């Protein structure tokens, strides 16, 4: 999703522009974020994790366990 967002931003706002400083580029990017966030679009996932058939040996606990001292 993130890569798709940055691809869209590049096509819509960054392609073909010239800026005189990093600050101006940052200002344009933040302005784009503000415009996009005026009318946010909620992404609805098509699948639930329970709908995906994954073999048990592939599933790995990625959360670090917190050890008390």
Protein backbone atom coordinates (compact mmCIF):
# COMPACT_ATOMS: atom_id res chain seq x y z
CA UNK A 1 0.00 0.00 0.00
CA UNK A 2 2.80 2.40 0.86
CA UNK A 3 4.58 1.79 -2.42
CA UNK A 4 1.31 2.38 -4.26
CA UNK A 5 0.79 5.66 -2.41
CA UNK A 6 4.27 6.95 -3.27
CA UNK A 7 3.86 5.84 -6.88
CA UNK A 8 0.60 7.79 -7.10
CA UNK A 9 2.19 10.83 -5.46
CA UNK A 10 5.06 10.70 -7.95
CA UNK A 11 2.71 10.52 -10.93
CA UNK A 12 0.35 13.23 -9.67
CA UNK A 13 2.61 15.73 -7.98
CA UNK A 14 6.35 15.15 -8.36
CA UNK A 15 6.84 14.27 -12.02
CA UNK A 16 8.24 17.16 -14.01
CA UNK A 17 8.53 19.69 -11.17
CA UNK A 18 11.58 21.74 -10.34
CA UNK A 19 12.32 22.99 -6.87
CA UNK A 20 15.01 25.36 -5.68
CA UNK A 21 15.57 23.72 -2.27
CA UNK A 22 14.84 20.71 -0.10
CA UNK A 23 12.56 22.93 1.96
CA UNK A 24 10.42 23.76 -1.07
CA UNK A 25 10.18 20.06 -1.94
CA UNK A 26 9.16 19.23 1.63
CA UNK A 27 6.53 22.01 1.56
CA UNK A 28 5.05 20.62 -1.67
CA UNK A 29 4.94 17.09 -0.26
CA UNK A 30 3.24 18.25 2.97
CA UNK A 31 0.75 20.27 0.91
CA UNK A 32 -0.03 17.11 -1.09
CA UNK A 33 -0.55 15.16 2.17
CA UNK A 34 -2.94 17.85 3.42
CA UNK A 35 -4.92 17.76 0.17
CA UNK A 36 -5.14 13.96 0.20
CA UNK A 37 -6.22 13.93 3.87
CA UNK A 38 -9.07 16.41 3.28
CA UNK A 39 -11.17 13.51 1.95
CA UNK A 40 -9.57 10.27 3.17
CA UNK A 41 -10.46 6.99 1.51
CA UNK A 42 -10.68 4.03 3.87
CA UNK A 43 -9.07 0.85 2.56
CA UNK A 44 -11.15 -2.27 3.19
CA UNK A 45 -9.17 -5.52 3.25
CA UNK A 46 -10.64 -8.22 1.02
CA UNK A 47 -9.43 -11.15 3.10
CA UNK A 48 -9.35 -12.18 6.73
CA UNK A 49 -6.37 -14.07 8.09
CA UNK A 50 -8.71 -16.97 8.86
CA UNK A 51 -9.53 -17.21 5.11
CA UNK A 52 -5.89 -17.85 4.17
CA UNK A 53 -4.67 -21.43 4.27
CA UNK A 54 -1.07 -21.36 5.53
CA UNK A 55 0.84 -24.51 6.50
CA UNK A 56 1.67 -24.59 10.22
CA UNK A 57 5.44 -24.76 9.69
CA UNK A 58 5.40 -21.35 7.96
CA UNK A 59 3.67 -19.52 10.80
CA UNK A 60 6.22 -17.73 13.00
CA UNK A 61 5.55 -15.67 16.10
CA UNK A 62 6.95 -12.26 15.15
CA UNK A 63 6.14 -10.48 18.40
CA UNK A 64 9.12 -10.22 20.70
CA UNK A 65 8.33 -11.67 24.08
CA UNK A 66 8.82 -9.28 26.95
CA UNK A 67 10.99 -10.79 29.66
CA UNK A 68 10.55 -9.53 33.17
CA UNK A 69 13.67 -9.03 35.25
